[in-house]
C-alpha atoms as a PDB file:
ATOM      1  CA  MET A   1     -92.869  -1.271 -96.759  1.00  0.00           C
ATOM      2  CA  ARG A   2     -96.584  -1.549 -97.520  1.00  0.00           C
ATOM      3  CA  ASN A   3     -96.373  -5.371 -97.599  1.00  0.00           C
ATOM      4  CA  ASN A   4     -94.589  -5.432 -94.237  1.00  0.00           C
ATOM      5  CA  TRP A   5     -97.273  -3.175 -92.747  1.00  0.00           C
ATOM      6  CA  LEU A   6    -100.068  -5.380 -94.110  1.00  0.00           C
ATOM      7  CA  ARG A   7     -98.348  -8.496 -92.802  1.00  0.00           C
ATOM      8  CA  ALA A   8     -97.955  -6.954 -89.345  1.00  0.00           C
ATOM      9  CA  ALA A   9    -101.571  -5.787 -89.327  1.00  0.00           C
ATOM     10  CA  SER A  10    -102.780  -9.243 -90.335  1.00  0.00           C
ATOM     11  CA  LEU A  11    -100.740 -10.921 -87.619  1.00  0.00           C
ATOM     12  CA  GLY A  12    -102.035  -8.421 -85.081  1.00  0.00           C
ATOM     13  CA  ALA A  13    -105.644  -9.074 -86.093  1.00  0.00           C
ATOM     14  CA  MET A  14    -105.114 -12.836 -85.883  1.00  0.00           C
ATOM     15  CA  PHE A  15    -103.606 -12.486 -82.400  1.00  0.00           C
ATOM     16  CA  LEU A  16    -106.516 -10.279 -81.289  1.00  0.00           C
ATOM     17  CA  MET A  17    -109.099 -12.742 -82.601  1.00  0.00           C
ATOM     18  CA  THR A  18    -107.308 -15.638 -80.894  1.00  0.00           C
ATOM     19  CA  ALA A  19    -107.263 -13.725 -77.600  1.00  0.00           C
ATOM     20  CA  ILE A  20    -110.995 -12.998 -77.921  1.00  0.00           C
ATOM     21  CA  VAL A  21    -111.792 -16.652 -78.633  1.00  0.00           C
ATOM     22  CA  VAL A  22    -109.663 -17.867 -75.684  1.00  0.00           C
ATOM     23  CA  THR A  23    -111.235 -15.299 -73.343  1.00  0.00           C
ATOM     24  CA  ALA A  24    -114.734 -16.279 -74.459  1.00  0.00           C
ATOM     25  CA  ALA A  25    -113.937 -19.964 -73.990  1.00  0.00           C
ATOM     26  CA  LYS A  26    -112.732 -19.283 -70.453  1.00  0.00           C
ATOM     27  CA  ALA A  27    -115.825 -17.214 -69.696  1.00  0.00           C
ATOM     28  CA  ASP A  28    -118.093 -19.979 -70.953  1.00  0.00           C
ATOM     29  CA  ALA A  29    -116.219 -22.801 -69.198  1.00  0.00           C
ATOM     30  CA  PRO A  30    -118.412 -24.353 -66.484  1.00  0.00           C
ATOM     31  CA  ASP A  31    -117.284 -24.027 -62.885  1.00  0.00           C
ATOM     32  CA  PRO A  32    -115.527 -27.303 -61.901  1.00  0.00           C
ATOM     33  CA  ALA A  33    -117.246 -27.249 -58.502  1.00  0.00           C
ATOM     34  CA  VAL A  34    -120.638 -27.039 -60.212  1.00  0.00           C
ATOM     35  CA  GLN A  35    -119.640 -29.837 -62.586  1.00  0.00           C
ATOM     36  CA  GLN A  36    -118.958 -32.149 -59.646  1.00  0.00           C
ATOM     37  CA  VAL A  37    -122.425 -31.600 -58.165  1.00  0.00           C
ATOM     38  CA  GLN A  38    -124.019 -32.047 -61.586  1.00  0.00           C
ATOM     39  CA  THR A  39    -122.090 -35.301 -62.104  1.00  0.00           C
ATOM     40  CA  PHE A  40    -123.352 -36.602 -58.767  1.00  0.00           C
ATOM     41  CA  TYR A  41    -126.927 -35.587 -59.549  1.00  0.00           C
ATOM     42  CA  ASP A  42    -126.857 -37.154 -63.020  1.00  0.00           C
ATOM     43  CA  THR A  43    -125.896 -40.531 -61.561  1.00  0.00           C
ATOM     44  CA  LEU A  44    -128.324 -40.218 -58.660  1.00  0.00           C
ATOM     45  CA  LEU A  45    -131.201 -39.378 -61.003  1.00  0.00           C
ATOM     46  CA  ASP A  46    -130.340 -42.314 -63.253  1.00  0.00           C
ATOM     47  CA  ALA A  47    -130.328 -44.624 -60.230  1.00  0.00           C
ATOM     48  CA  MET A  48    -133.742 -43.269 -59.238  1.00  0.00           C
ATOM     49  CA  LYS A  49    -135.169 -43.842 -62.718  1.00  0.00           C
ATOM     50  CA  HIS A  50    -133.960 -47.470 -62.698  1.00  0.00           C
ATOM     51  CA  SER A  51    -134.603 -47.980 -59.010  1.00  0.00           C
ATOM     52  CA  LYS A  52    -136.810 -51.045 -59.209  1.00  0.00           C
ATOM     53  CA  GLU A  53    -134.671 -53.005 -61.630  1.00  0.00           C
ATOM     54  CA  LEU A  54    -131.470 -52.138 -59.762  1.00  0.00           C
ATOM     55  CA  GLY A  55    -132.740 -52.859 -56.264  1.00  0.00           C
ATOM     56  CA  ILE A  56    -130.982 -51.555 -53.173  1.00  0.00           C
ATOM     57  CA  LYS A  57    -127.721 -53.408 -53.931  1.00  0.00           C
ATOM     58  CA  GLY A  58    -127.681 -52.236 -57.543  1.00  0.00           C
ATOM     59  CA  ARG A  59    -128.271 -48.624 -56.500  1.00  0.00           C
ATOM     60  CA  PHE A  60    -125.482 -48.923 -53.935  1.00  0.00           C
ATOM     61  CA  ASP A  61    -123.036 -50.264 -56.545  1.00  0.00           C
ATOM     62  CA  LYS A  62    -124.033 -47.565 -59.027  1.00  0.00           C
ATOM     63  CA  LEU A  63    -123.686 -44.696 -56.567  1.00  0.00           C
ATOM     64  CA  LYS A  64    -120.486 -45.782 -54.819  1.00  0.00           C
ATOM     65  CA  PRO A  65    -118.020 -44.713 -57.569  1.00  0.00           C
ATOM     66  CA  VAL A  66    -119.612 -41.309 -58.137  1.00  0.00           C
ATOM     67  CA  ILE A  67    -119.740 -40.574 -54.390  1.00  0.00           C
ATOM     68  CA  GLU A  68    -116.051 -41.460 -54.133  1.00  0.00           C
ATOM     69  CA  GLN A  69    -115.420 -39.121 -57.073  1.00  0.00           C
ATOM     70  CA  THR A  70    -117.444 -36.148 -55.863  1.00  0.00           C
ATOM     71  CA  PHE A  71    -117.385 -36.292 -52.028  1.00  0.00           C
ATOM     72  CA  ASP A  72    -114.335 -35.494 -49.910  1.00  0.00           C
ATOM     73  CA  LEU A  73    -115.004 -38.486 -47.662  1.00  0.00           C
ATOM     74  CA  PRO A  74    -111.590 -38.525 -45.903  1.00  0.00           C
ATOM     75  CA  ASP A  75    -111.927 -34.898 -44.801  1.00  0.00           C
ATOM     76  CA  MET A  76    -115.595 -35.360 -43.906  1.00  0.00           C
ATOM     77  CA  ILE A  77    -114.978 -38.229 -41.483  1.00  0.00           C
ATOM     78  CA  ARG A  78    -111.959 -36.456 -40.010  1.00  0.00           C
ATOM     79  CA  VAL A  79    -114.059 -33.389 -39.174  1.00  0.00           C
ATOM     80  CA  ALA A  80    -117.050 -35.484 -38.043  1.00  0.00           C
ATOM     81  CA  VAL A  81    -114.853 -37.348 -35.547  1.00  0.00           C
ATOM     82  CA  GLY A  82    -113.195 -34.180 -34.290  1.00  0.00           C
ATOM     83  CA  PRO A  83    -110.001 -33.767 -32.213  1.00  0.00           C
ATOM     84  CA  SER A  84    -109.714 -37.460 -31.300  1.00  0.00           C
ATOM     85  CA  TRP A  85    -109.050 -38.301 -34.972  1.00  0.00           C
ATOM     86  CA  ALA A  86    -105.409 -37.199 -34.766  1.00  0.00           C
ATOM     87  CA  GLY A  87    -104.676 -39.658 -31.951  1.00  0.00           C
ATOM     88  CA  MET A  88    -106.177 -42.699 -33.677  1.00  0.00           C
ATOM     89  CA  PRO A  89    -103.937 -45.359 -35.272  1.00  0.00           C
ATOM     90  CA  ALA A  90    -103.878 -45.263 -39.069  1.00  0.00           C
ATOM     91  CA  ALA A  91    -105.653 -48.627 -39.261  1.00  0.00           C
ATOM     92  CA  GLN A  92    -108.542 -47.302 -37.153  1.00  0.00           C
ATOM     93  CA  GLN A  93    -108.773 -44.178 -39.312  1.00  0.00           C
ATOM     94  CA  GLN A  94    -108.986 -46.298 -42.466  1.00  0.00           C
ATOM     95  CA  ALA A  95    -111.637 -48.551 -40.908  1.00  0.00           C
ATOM     96  CA  LEU A  96    -113.704 -45.510 -39.934  1.00  0.00           C
ATOM     97  CA  LEU A  97    -113.349 -44.032 -43.417  1.00  0.00           C
ATOM     98  CA  ALA A  98    -114.557 -47.306 -44.978  1.00  0.00           C
ATOM     99  CA  ALA A  99    -117.533 -47.492 -42.591  1.00  0.00           C
ATOM    100  CA  PHE A 100    -118.395 -43.827 -43.162  1.00  0.00           C
ATOM    101  CA  GLU A 101    -118.304 -44.269 -46.931  1.00  0.00           C
ATOM    102  CA  ARG A 102    -120.443 -47.408 -46.754  1.00  0.00           C
ATOM    103  CA  MET A 103    -122.994 -45.637 -44.582  1.00  0.00           C
ATOM    104  CA  THR A 104    -123.056 -42.552 -46.855  1.00  0.00           C
ATOM    105  CA  VAL A 105    -123.630 -44.584 -50.021  1.00  0.00           C
ATOM    106  CA  ALA A 106    -126.268 -46.719 -48.270  1.00  0.00           C
ATOM    107  CA  GLN A 107    -128.167 -43.597 -47.225  1.00  0.00           C
ATOM    108  CA  TYR A 108    -128.477 -42.383 -50.808  1.00  0.00           C
ATOM    109  CA  ALA A 109    -129.301 -45.865 -52.114  1.00  0.00           C
ATOM    110  CA  ASN A 110    -132.048 -46.190 -49.502  1.00  0.00           C
ATOM    111  CA  ASN A 111    -133.489 -42.682 -49.538  1.00  0.00           C
ATOM    112  CA  PHE A 112    -133.664 -42.225 -53.325  1.00  0.00           C
ATOM    113  CA  ASP A 113    -135.489 -45.433 -54.141  1.00  0.00           C
ATOM    114  CA  GLY A 114    -137.897 -44.356 -56.856  1.00  0.00           C
ATOM    115  CA  TYR A 115    -138.719 -41.800 -59.519  1.00  0.00           C
ATOM    116  CA  SER A 116    -141.885 -39.727 -59.935  1.00  0.00           C
ATOM    117  CA  GLY A 117    -140.720 -36.932 -62.231  1.00  0.00           C
ATOM    118  CA  GLU A 118    -138.327 -35.312 -59.771  1.00  0.00           C
ATOM    119  CA  LYS A 119    -135.576 -33.094 -61.126  1.00  0.00           C
ATOM    120  CA  PHE A 120    -132.409 -31.549 -59.726  1.00  0.00           C
ATOM    121  CA  VAL A 121    -131.619 -27.949 -60.652  1.00  0.00           C
ATOM    122  CA  VAL A 122    -128.056 -26.666 -60.200  1.00  0.00           C
ATOM    123  CA  GLU A 123    -127.167 -22.968 -60.372  1.00  0.00           C
ATOM    124  CA  PRO A 124    -124.293 -22.359 -62.837  1.00  0.00           C
ATOM    125  CA  ALA A 125    -122.459 -19.875 -60.602  1.00  0.00           C
ATOM    126  CA  THR A 126    -120.929 -20.588 -57.188  1.00  0.00           C
ATOM    127  CA  GLN A 127    -120.800 -18.382 -54.106  1.00  0.00           C
ATOM    128  CA  PRO A 128    -117.414 -17.855 -52.398  1.00  0.00           C
ATOM    129  CA  ARG A 129    -117.092 -18.930 -48.777  1.00  0.00           C
ATOM    130  CA  GLY A 130    -113.527 -18.275 -47.675  1.00  0.00           C
ATOM    131  CA  GLN A 131    -111.419 -20.686 -49.700  1.00  0.00           C
ATOM    132  CA  ASP A 132    -114.465 -22.874 -50.344  1.00  0.00           C
ATOM    133  CA  ARG A 133    -117.246 -22.481 -52.892  1.00  0.00           C
ATOM    134  CA  VAL A 134    -120.959 -23.035 -52.370  1.00  0.00           C
ATOM    135  CA  VAL A 135    -123.004 -24.651 -55.135  1.00  0.00           C
ATOM    136  CA  LEU A 136    -126.708 -23.836 -54.933  1.00  0.00           C
ATOM    137  CA  SER A 137    -129.153 -26.500 -56.036  1.00  0.00           C
ATOM    138  CA  LYS A 138    -132.671 -27.704 -55.436  1.00  0.00           C
ATOM    139  CA  LEU A 139    -134.710 -30.864 -55.716  1.00  0.00           C
ATOM    140  CA  VAL A 140    -138.036 -30.142 -57.385  1.00  0.00           C
ATOM    141  CA  THR A 141    -140.899 -32.586 -56.857  1.00  0.00           C
ATOM    142  CA  GLY A 142    -144.567 -32.363 -57.735  1.00  0.00           C
ATOM    143  CA  SER A 143    -145.479 -30.806 -54.392  1.00  0.00           C
ATOM    144  CA  GLN A 144    -142.373 -29.135 -53.000  1.00  0.00           C
ATOM    145  CA  THR A 145    -138.915 -27.728 -53.622  1.00  0.00           C
ATOM    146  CA  VAL A 146    -136.020 -28.566 -51.287  1.00  0.00           C
ATOM    147  CA  ALA A 147    -132.807 -26.537 -51.379  1.00  0.00           C
ATOM    148  CA  PHE A 148    -129.449 -28.284 -51.089  1.00  0.00           C
ATOM    149  CA  TYR A 149    -126.353 -26.084 -50.805  1.00  0.00           C
ATOM    150  CA  TYR A 150    -123.095 -27.936 -51.363  1.00  0.00           C
ATOM    151  CA  VAL A 151    -119.981 -26.565 -49.675  1.00  0.00           C
ATOM    152  CA  MET A 152    -117.154 -27.501 -52.040  1.00  0.00           C
ATOM    153  CA  ARG A 153    -113.515 -27.753 -50.986  1.00  0.00           C
ATOM    154  CA  GLN A 154    -110.495 -28.074 -53.238  1.00  0.00           C
ATOM    155  CA  THR A 155    -108.364 -31.117 -52.456  1.00  0.00           C
ATOM    156  CA  THR A 156    -104.569 -31.179 -52.551  1.00  0.00           C
ATOM    157  CA  GLY A 157    -104.834 -32.614 -56.054  1.00  0.00           C
ATOM    158  CA  GLY A 158    -106.807 -29.571 -57.197  1.00  0.00           C
ATOM    159  CA  THR A 159    -110.187 -31.325 -57.523  1.00  0.00           C
ATOM    160  CA  TRP A 160    -113.275 -29.684 -56.065  1.00  0.00           C
ATOM    161  CA  LYS A 161    -115.253 -32.073 -53.872  1.00  0.00           C
ATOM    162  CA  ILE A 162    -118.315 -31.920 -51.654  1.00  0.00           C
ATOM    163  CA  PHE A 163    -117.282 -31.217 -48.062  1.00  0.00           C
ATOM    164  CA  THR A 164    -120.694 -30.767 -46.465  1.00  0.00           C
ATOM    165  CA  ILE A 165    -124.319 -30.117 -47.413  1.00  0.00           C
ATOM    166  CA  LEU A 166    -126.567 -27.370 -46.073  1.00  0.00           C
ATOM    167  CA  LEU A 167    -130.173 -28.580 -46.131  1.00  0.00           C
ATOM    168  CA  ASN A 168    -132.486 -25.671 -46.943  1.00  0.00           C
ATOM    169  CA  GLY A 169    -129.367 -23.527 -46.787  1.00  0.00           C
ATOM    170  CA  THR A 170    -129.085 -23.733 -42.989  1.00  0.00           C
ATOM    171  CA  ILE A 171    -128.785 -27.271 -41.550  1.00  0.00           C
ATOM    172  CA  ASN A 172    -125.145 -28.344 -41.777  1.00  0.00           C
ATOM    173  CA  GLN A 173    -125.058 -32.101 -42.345  1.00  0.00           C
ATOM    174  CA  LEU A 174    -121.475 -32.486 -41.144  1.00  0.00           C
ATOM    175  CA  ALA A 175    -122.157 -30.538 -37.943  1.00  0.00           C
ATOM    176  CA  VAL A 176    -125.177 -32.772 -37.253  1.00  0.00           C
ATOM    177  CA  GLN A 177    -123.077 -35.908 -37.780  1.00  0.00           C
ATOM    178  CA  ARG A 178    -120.349 -34.615 -35.480  1.00  0.00           C
ATOM    179  CA  SER A 179    -122.921 -34.032 -32.753  1.00  0.00           C
ATOM    180  CA  GLU A 180    -124.423 -37.495 -33.275  1.00  0.00           C
ATOM    181  CA  TYR A 181    -121.041 -39.243 -33.146  1.00  0.00           C
ATOM    182  CA  ALA A 182    -119.716 -37.466 -30.042  1.00  0.00           C
ATOM    183  CA  ALA A 183    -121.378 -39.677 -27.409  1.00  0.00           C
ATOM    184  CA  THR A 184    -120.339 -42.901 -29.169  1.00  0.00           C
ATOM    185  CA  LEU A 185    -116.722 -41.732 -29.435  1.00  0.00           C
ATOM    186  CA  THR A 186    -116.667 -40.717 -25.778  1.00  0.00           C
ATOM    187  CA  ALA A 187    -118.073 -44.064 -24.668  1.00  0.00           C
ATOM    188  CA  GLY A 188    -116.148 -46.452 -26.908  1.00  0.00           C
ATOM    189  CA  GLY A 189    -113.723 -44.578 -29.147  1.00  0.00           C
ATOM    190  CA  GLY A 190    -113.183 -45.177 -32.849  1.00  0.00           C
ATOM    191  CA  ALA A 191    -114.043 -48.886 -32.705  1.00  0.00           C
ATOM    192  CA  ALA A 192    -117.483 -48.110 -31.282  1.00  0.00           C
ATOM    193  CA  LEU A 193    -118.187 -45.515 -33.969  1.00  0.00           C
ATOM    194  CA  GLU A 194    -117.032 -47.897 -36.699  1.00  0.00           C
ATOM    195  CA  LYS A 195    -119.453 -50.520 -35.384  1.00  0.00           C
ATOM    196  CA  LYS A 196    -122.278 -47.977 -35.230  1.00  0.00           C
ATOM    197  CA  LEU A 197    -121.736 -46.761 -38.806  1.00  0.00           C
ATOM    198  CA  ASN A 198    -121.608 -50.301 -40.196  1.00  0.00           C
ATOM    199  CA  ALA A 199    -124.749 -51.239 -38.265  1.00  0.00           C
ATOM    200  CA  LEU A 200    -126.543 -48.239 -39.716  1.00  0.00           C
ATOM    201  CA  ALA A 201    -125.413 -49.215 -43.222  1.00  0.00           C
ATOM    202  CA  ASP A 202    -126.657 -52.780 -42.652  1.00  0.00           C
ATOM    203  CA  LYS A 203    -130.060 -51.443 -41.588  1.00  0.00           C
ATOM    204  CA  LEU A 204    -130.307 -49.137 -44.606  1.00  0.00           C
ATOM    205  CA  MET A 205    -129.388 -51.989 -46.922  1.00  0.00           C
ATOM    206  CA  GLY A 206    -131.967 -54.234 -45.307  1.00  0.00           C
ATOM    207  CA  GLY A 207    -129.388 -56.519 -43.692  1.00  0.00           C
END
């Protein structure tokens, strides 16, 4: 009887310790939405540090895969275009997505073209925003600090991706783009916007 009791007590203690370890591991696990922003920043910072040797084309090629991985580009262009998106042929939608991605990558490759000790700081906890999550971060330079809040949305595959960025916590990048694209879409439809986005990418890339 005593041996059975000891065996049961030992098994119970082992189960309790396992539960504590699992719970602690879950508590310490980084937020996947935060991880995505950190992954983007790590690549962006590396591109900045090697800016001169990479050149604009090298920075573009380095940033393209990580932007595809961390940004929800298909949903971003759909929302930026607005209601007319649903009526566009699939081929036009794909062409717009390609142009939007090219322009987005070119912007980062052009804007972050050097390194002078800058650092990106990402808060480890997210803020809920409906079904989305907001990742708080900031770019710290020698003279100023700029806040970037990333609104993260979970895709159908379960991956958290950047849906839009709030500059200084207030200026919604996607809302600004939608406003900028409206006149072009009204005047010339999807083909006109595709041309505009590719022209902007060419300019950013120095073409």
